[in-house]
N, C-alpha and C. Protein backbone atom coordinates (compact mmCIF):
# COMPACT_ATOMS: atom_id res chain seq x y z
N MET A 1 106.51 128.67 117.23
CA MET A 1 106.50 127.44 116.51
C MET A 1 107.05 126.26 117.44
N ARG A 2 106.36 125.33 117.43
CA ARG A 2 106.78 124.13 118.26
C ARG A 2 107.32 123.05 117.30
N LEU A 3 108.63 122.53 117.66
CA LEU A 3 109.10 121.59 116.82
C LEU A 3 109.13 120.15 117.63
N ASN A 4 108.75 119.13 116.88
CA ASN A 4 108.73 117.72 117.48
C ASN A 4 109.83 116.88 116.86
N GLU A 5 110.40 116.04 117.62
CA GLU A 5 111.26 115.09 117.12
C GLU A 5 110.44 113.86 116.59
N ILE A 6 110.76 113.47 115.35
CA ILE A 6 109.90 112.36 114.87
C ILE A 6 110.61 111.04 115.17
N ASP A 7 109.76 110.05 115.75
CA ASP A 7 110.39 108.69 115.98
C ASP A 7 109.79 107.61 115.09
N TYR A 8 110.62 107.14 114.38
CA TYR A 8 110.08 106.31 113.23
C TYR A 8 110.38 104.87 113.85
N GLU A 9 109.15 104.14 114.06
CA GLU A 9 109.05 102.86 114.72
C GLU A 9 108.98 101.85 113.63
N GLY A 10 109.22 100.53 113.91
CA GLY A 10 108.97 99.64 113.05
C GLY A 10 110.16 99.13 112.17
N SER A 11 110.01 98.22 111.24
CA SER A 11 111.07 97.82 110.35
C SER A 11 111.37 98.63 109.18
N GLN A 12 110.39 99.68 108.95
CA GLN A 12 110.47 100.46 107.77
C GLN A 12 111.27 101.74 108.12
N PRO A 13 112.36 102.00 107.68
CA PRO A 13 113.36 103.16 108.09
C PRO A 13 113.07 104.14 107.07
N PRO A 14 113.29 105.56 107.54
CA PRO A 14 113.33 106.79 106.78
C PRO A 14 114.68 106.90 105.93
N VAL A 15 114.65 107.63 105.05
CA VAL A 15 115.74 107.88 104.17
C VAL A 15 116.56 108.95 104.88
N ASP A 16 117.74 108.84 105.45
CA ASP A 16 118.59 109.76 106.15
C ASP A 16 119.01 110.77 105.25
N SER A 17 119.61 110.25 103.94
CA SER A 17 120.19 111.21 103.10
C SER A 17 120.29 110.39 101.83
N TYR A 18 120.56 111.25 100.74
CA TYR A 18 120.95 110.78 99.30
C TYR A 18 122.14 111.53 98.82
N GLY A 19 122.71 110.91 97.91
CA GLY A 19 123.84 111.68 97.43
C GLY A 19 124.57 110.99 96.33
N PRO A 20 125.71 111.22 95.92
CA PRO A 20 126.16 110.53 94.45
C PRO A 20 126.33 109.06 94.62
N GLY A 21 125.35 108.59 93.92
CA GLY A 21 125.27 107.21 93.70
C GLY A 21 124.67 106.29 94.92
N GLY A 22 123.90 106.94 95.78
CA GLY A 22 123.38 106.12 96.75
C GLY A 22 122.60 106.77 97.84
N PHE A 23 122.29 106.11 98.79
CA PHE A 23 121.45 106.51 99.95
C PHE A 23 122.05 106.21 101.29
N ARG A 24 121.72 106.97 102.37
CA ARG A 24 122.18 106.75 103.62
C ARG A 24 120.63 106.41 104.36
N VAL A 25 120.62 105.06 104.99
CA VAL A 25 119.35 104.67 105.55
C VAL A 25 119.94 104.17 106.95
N ARG A 26 119.32 104.33 108.21
CA ARG A 26 119.92 104.01 109.51
C ARG A 26 121.39 104.10 109.48
N ALA A 27 121.91 105.29 109.18
CA ALA A 27 123.38 105.40 109.44
C ALA A 27 124.26 104.44 108.43
N ALA A 28 123.83 103.66 107.49
CA ALA A 28 124.61 102.82 106.65
C ALA A 28 124.39 103.44 105.17
N TRP A 29 125.54 103.41 104.42
CA TRP A 29 125.47 103.79 102.95
C TRP A 29 124.91 102.56 102.16
N HIS A 30 124.12 102.73 101.14
CA HIS A 30 123.72 101.85 100.34
C HIS A 30 124.01 102.39 98.93
N ASP A 31 124.89 101.84 98.14
CA ASP A 31 125.22 102.16 96.77
C ASP A 31 124.02 101.87 95.91
N GLY A 32 123.76 102.64 94.90
CA GLY A 32 122.84 102.31 93.78
C GLY A 32 121.35 102.71 94.21
N ASP A 33 120.33 102.04 93.45
CA ASP A 33 118.97 102.18 93.53
C ASP A 33 118.43 101.67 94.82
N LEU A 34 117.41 102.17 95.25
CA LEU A 34 117.13 101.61 96.79
C LEU A 34 115.48 101.29 96.55
N LEU A 35 115.01 100.18 97.23
CA LEU A 35 113.63 100.00 97.48
C LEU A 35 113.36 99.82 98.94
N ILE A 36 112.68 100.48 99.61
CA ILE A 36 112.12 100.32 100.82
C ILE A 36 110.68 100.12 100.91
N LEU A 37 110.47 98.76 101.49
CA LEU A 37 109.05 98.17 101.63
C LEU A 37 108.70 98.10 103.06
N PRO A 38 107.55 97.77 103.53
CA PRO A 38 107.16 97.60 104.92
C PRO A 38 108.00 96.48 105.63
N SER A 39 108.47 95.42 104.76
CA SER A 39 109.26 94.54 105.42
C SER A 39 110.71 94.91 105.39
N GLY A 40 111.16 96.27 104.90
CA GLY A 40 112.73 96.50 105.02
C GLY A 40 113.06 97.02 103.79
N LEU A 41 114.48 97.03 103.73
CA LEU A 41 115.04 97.80 102.41
C LEU A 41 115.79 96.76 101.80
N GLN A 42 116.03 97.02 100.43
CA GLN A 42 116.79 96.21 99.52
C GLN A 42 117.26 96.92 98.48
N ALA A 43 118.04 96.36 97.64
CA ALA A 43 118.52 97.09 96.39
C ALA A 43 117.33 97.22 95.42
N GLY A 44 117.10 98.42 94.75
CA GLY A 44 115.99 98.63 93.82
C GLY A 44 116.31 98.58 92.41
N MET A 45 115.34 98.31 91.62
CA MET A 45 115.55 98.40 90.16
C MET A 45 114.18 98.92 89.47
N LEU A 46 114.40 99.86 88.74
CA LEU A 46 113.02 100.40 88.04
C LEU A 46 112.81 99.56 86.77
N SER A 47 112.31 98.33 86.79
CA SER A 47 112.12 97.38 85.93
C SER A 47 111.00 96.40 86.16
N ALA A 48 110.65 95.65 85.15
CA ALA A 48 109.78 94.59 85.39
C ALA A 48 110.14 93.79 86.51
N GLU A 49 111.42 93.14 86.48
CA GLU A 49 112.08 92.51 87.40
C GLU A 49 112.08 92.95 88.76
N GLY A 50 112.47 94.26 88.69
CA GLY A 50 112.55 95.02 90.04
C GLY A 50 111.28 95.18 90.79
N LEU A 51 110.23 94.91 89.98
CA LEU A 51 108.79 95.20 90.71
C LEU A 51 108.33 94.01 91.48
N ALA A 52 109.10 92.83 91.13
CA ALA A 52 108.48 91.50 91.84
C ALA A 52 108.26 91.76 93.39
N PRO A 53 109.31 92.34 94.13
CA PRO A 53 108.97 92.70 95.43
C PRO A 53 107.94 93.43 95.99
N VAL A 54 107.76 94.60 95.05
CA VAL A 54 106.69 95.46 95.28
C VAL A 54 105.25 94.89 95.00
N LEU A 55 105.21 94.04 94.07
CA LEU A 55 103.87 93.49 93.66
C LEU A 55 103.68 92.32 94.80
N ALA A 56 104.66 91.66 95.35
CA ALA A 56 104.48 90.81 96.36
C ALA A 56 103.93 91.28 97.72
N ALA A 57 104.30 92.81 97.83
CA ALA A 57 103.96 93.33 98.97
C ALA A 57 102.75 94.27 98.87
N ALA A 58 102.06 94.07 97.68
CA ALA A 58 101.00 94.87 97.31
C ALA A 58 99.82 95.25 98.42
N ALA A 59 99.56 94.16 99.28
CA ALA A 59 98.50 94.27 100.23
C ALA A 59 98.92 95.09 101.50
N GLU A 60 100.07 95.37 101.44
CA GLU A 60 100.63 96.25 102.68
C GLU A 60 101.06 97.58 102.12
N ILE A 61 100.77 97.94 100.74
CA ILE A 61 101.16 99.25 100.35
C ILE A 61 99.94 100.09 99.85
N ASP A 62 99.79 101.23 100.04
CA ASP A 62 98.85 102.04 99.41
C ASP A 62 99.18 102.90 98.43
N VAL A 63 100.62 103.50 98.60
CA VAL A 63 101.31 104.25 97.63
C VAL A 63 102.66 103.98 97.55
N LEU A 64 103.03 103.83 96.23
CA LEU A 64 104.59 103.60 95.95
C LEU A 64 104.99 104.97 95.40
N LEU A 65 106.09 105.44 96.16
CA LEU A 65 106.76 106.70 95.56
C LEU A 65 107.89 106.32 94.62
N ILE A 66 107.85 106.76 93.33
CA ILE A 66 109.01 106.39 92.65
C ILE A 66 109.83 107.56 92.25
N GLY A 67 111.07 107.64 92.62
CA GLY A 67 111.97 108.69 92.47
C GLY A 67 112.81 108.42 91.11
N THR A 68 112.55 109.04 90.23
CA THR A 68 113.29 108.78 88.92
C THR A 68 114.56 109.39 88.56
N GLY A 69 115.29 109.96 89.62
CA GLY A 69 116.74 110.38 89.37
C GLY A 69 116.59 111.98 89.96
N ALA A 70 117.66 112.76 89.13
CA ALA A 70 117.59 114.01 89.51
C ALA A 70 116.49 114.87 88.91
N ASP A 71 115.88 114.36 87.72
CA ASP A 71 114.70 114.73 87.22
C ASP A 71 113.53 113.88 87.15
N ILE A 72 112.29 114.45 86.89
CA ILE A 72 111.27 113.43 86.55
C ILE A 72 111.35 112.79 85.25
N ALA A 73 111.13 111.72 85.07
CA ALA A 73 111.34 110.86 83.92
C ALA A 73 110.09 109.74 83.70
N PRO A 74 109.83 109.56 82.52
CA PRO A 74 108.77 108.53 82.32
C PRO A 74 109.10 107.26 82.78
N LEU A 75 108.21 106.38 83.17
CA LEU A 75 108.53 105.10 83.72
C LEU A 75 108.72 104.07 82.49
N PRO A 76 109.29 103.04 82.61
CA PRO A 76 109.49 102.03 81.63
C PRO A 76 107.83 101.55 81.30
N ALA A 77 107.68 101.30 80.13
CA ALA A 77 106.22 100.87 79.76
C ALA A 77 105.63 99.74 80.64
N VAL A 78 106.19 98.86 81.04
CA VAL A 78 105.92 97.57 81.61
C VAL A 78 105.51 97.90 83.16
N VAL A 79 106.11 99.16 83.72
CA VAL A 79 106.14 99.34 85.13
C VAL A 79 104.59 99.80 85.55
N ALA A 80 103.99 100.76 84.87
CA ALA A 80 102.72 101.44 85.36
C ALA A 80 101.60 100.36 85.32
N PRO A 81 101.49 99.60 84.16
CA PRO A 81 100.42 98.58 84.20
C PRO A 81 100.28 97.75 85.22
N ALA A 82 101.41 97.18 85.47
CA ALA A 82 101.61 96.11 86.52
C ALA A 82 101.21 96.60 87.94
N LEU A 83 101.65 97.82 88.23
CA LEU A 83 101.44 98.42 89.49
C LEU A 83 99.73 98.79 89.65
N GLU A 84 99.28 99.32 88.63
CA GLU A 84 97.85 99.58 88.54
C GLU A 84 96.97 98.20 88.62
N GLN A 85 97.41 97.22 88.07
CA GLN A 85 96.78 96.01 88.11
C GLN A 85 96.76 95.39 89.60
N ALA A 86 97.88 95.63 90.44
CA ALA A 86 98.05 95.28 91.52
C ALA A 86 97.29 96.05 92.72
N GLY A 87 96.69 97.20 92.22
CA GLY A 87 96.10 98.15 93.25
C GLY A 87 96.82 99.22 94.01
N ILE A 88 98.24 99.34 93.31
CA ILE A 88 99.20 100.19 94.25
C ILE A 88 99.01 101.59 93.58
N GLY A 89 98.83 102.51 94.40
CA GLY A 89 98.77 103.95 93.92
C GLY A 89 100.34 104.33 93.77
N VAL A 90 100.64 105.11 92.72
CA VAL A 90 101.85 105.49 92.16
C VAL A 90 102.10 107.01 92.13
N GLU A 91 103.17 107.54 92.66
CA GLU A 91 103.45 108.86 92.49
C GLU A 91 104.86 108.89 92.11
N ILE A 92 105.07 109.65 90.81
CA ILE A 92 106.34 109.81 90.14
C ILE A 92 106.88 111.22 90.40
N MET A 93 108.15 111.13 90.72
CA MET A 93 108.72 112.30 90.89
C MET A 93 110.31 112.42 91.04
N SER A 94 110.92 113.32 91.25
CA SER A 94 112.40 113.32 91.20
C SER A 94 112.77 112.49 92.49
N THR A 95 113.89 111.96 92.54
CA THR A 95 114.39 111.23 93.63
C THR A 95 114.55 112.25 94.97
N PRO A 96 115.15 113.42 94.85
CA PRO A 96 115.04 114.18 96.02
C PRO A 96 113.61 114.55 96.68
N SER A 97 112.68 114.67 95.83
CA SER A 97 111.15 114.82 96.24
C SER A 97 110.59 113.56 96.76
N ALA A 98 110.96 112.40 96.05
CA ALA A 98 110.35 111.27 96.68
C ALA A 98 110.91 110.84 97.96
N CYS A 99 112.33 111.19 98.38
CA CYS A 99 112.81 110.89 99.59
C CYS A 99 112.17 111.72 100.62
N ARG A 100 111.99 112.97 100.33
CA ARG A 100 111.21 113.77 101.36
C ARG A 100 109.66 113.55 101.64
N THR A 101 109.00 113.24 100.64
CA THR A 101 107.71 112.89 100.72
C THR A 101 107.47 111.53 101.32
N TYR A 102 108.52 110.55 101.17
CA TYR A 102 108.42 109.30 101.78
C TYR A 102 108.50 109.43 103.28
N ASN A 103 109.64 110.19 103.71
CA ASN A 103 109.81 110.48 105.22
C ASN A 103 108.52 111.04 105.75
N VAL A 104 107.80 112.08 105.02
CA VAL A 104 106.81 112.65 105.69
C VAL A 104 105.64 111.63 105.85
N LEU A 105 105.39 110.77 104.86
CA LEU A 105 104.28 109.88 104.90
C LEU A 105 104.44 108.78 105.89
N LEU A 106 105.73 108.51 105.87
CA LEU A 106 106.25 107.46 107.11
C LEU A 106 105.95 107.86 108.40
N ALA A 107 106.30 109.23 108.67
CA ALA A 107 106.03 109.86 109.86
C ALA A 107 104.60 109.92 110.25
N GLU A 108 103.70 109.77 109.37
CA GLU A 108 102.19 109.91 109.44
C GLU A 108 101.87 108.47 109.63
N ASP A 109 102.66 107.66 109.65
CA ASP A 109 102.23 106.22 109.70
C ASP A 109 101.41 105.61 108.57
N ARG A 110 101.69 106.15 107.40
CA ARG A 110 101.01 105.71 106.15
C ARG A 110 101.52 104.43 105.60
N ARG A 111 100.86 103.79 104.79
CA ARG A 111 101.44 102.54 104.13
C ARG A 111 102.12 102.91 102.88
N VAL A 112 103.28 103.30 102.97
CA VAL A 112 103.94 103.77 101.97
C VAL A 112 105.29 102.99 101.63
N ALA A 113 105.75 102.95 100.32
CA ALA A 113 107.01 102.42 99.97
C ALA A 113 107.65 103.34 98.93
N ILE A 114 108.87 103.02 98.73
CA ILE A 114 109.66 104.05 97.91
C ILE A 114 110.73 103.27 97.01
N LEU A 115 110.62 103.55 95.73
CA LEU A 115 111.53 102.95 94.92
C LEU A 115 112.37 104.09 94.31
N ALA A 116 113.71 104.33 94.44
CA ALA A 116 114.23 105.50 94.11
C ALA A 116 115.52 105.15 93.38
N VAL A 117 115.67 105.86 92.20
CA VAL A 117 116.99 105.72 91.29
C VAL A 117 118.15 106.75 92.02
N ALA A 118 119.17 106.26 92.35
CA ALA A 118 120.29 106.94 92.86
C ALA A 118 120.50 108.24 91.90
N VAL A 119 120.83 109.27 92.61
CA VAL A 119 121.28 110.60 91.79
C VAL A 119 122.75 110.74 92.02
């Protein structure tokens, strides 16, 4: 088996780790929920207001991974229709799964974003 080190280029960083109440990205700890878009990272919020940056970046995103916490949970009623109308594909999963999937898709140079609830 041959192992290759992945080099993430560009402004969109991978999630280094997640833990109690936050995420480590580019060796810096970020408390609370997280949103990483092609333009960079910011505090996230799984709500209608929290979707504004995602909808603004819709032309740059093919799929948005939504990590709903330790377990899979339903989205707030206003979230799914807004993303569908914007033409953004959505995958809902637990936050640990969303972080792993995001890093894999990012390494494949896919047009991906993540909105993850802290665990």
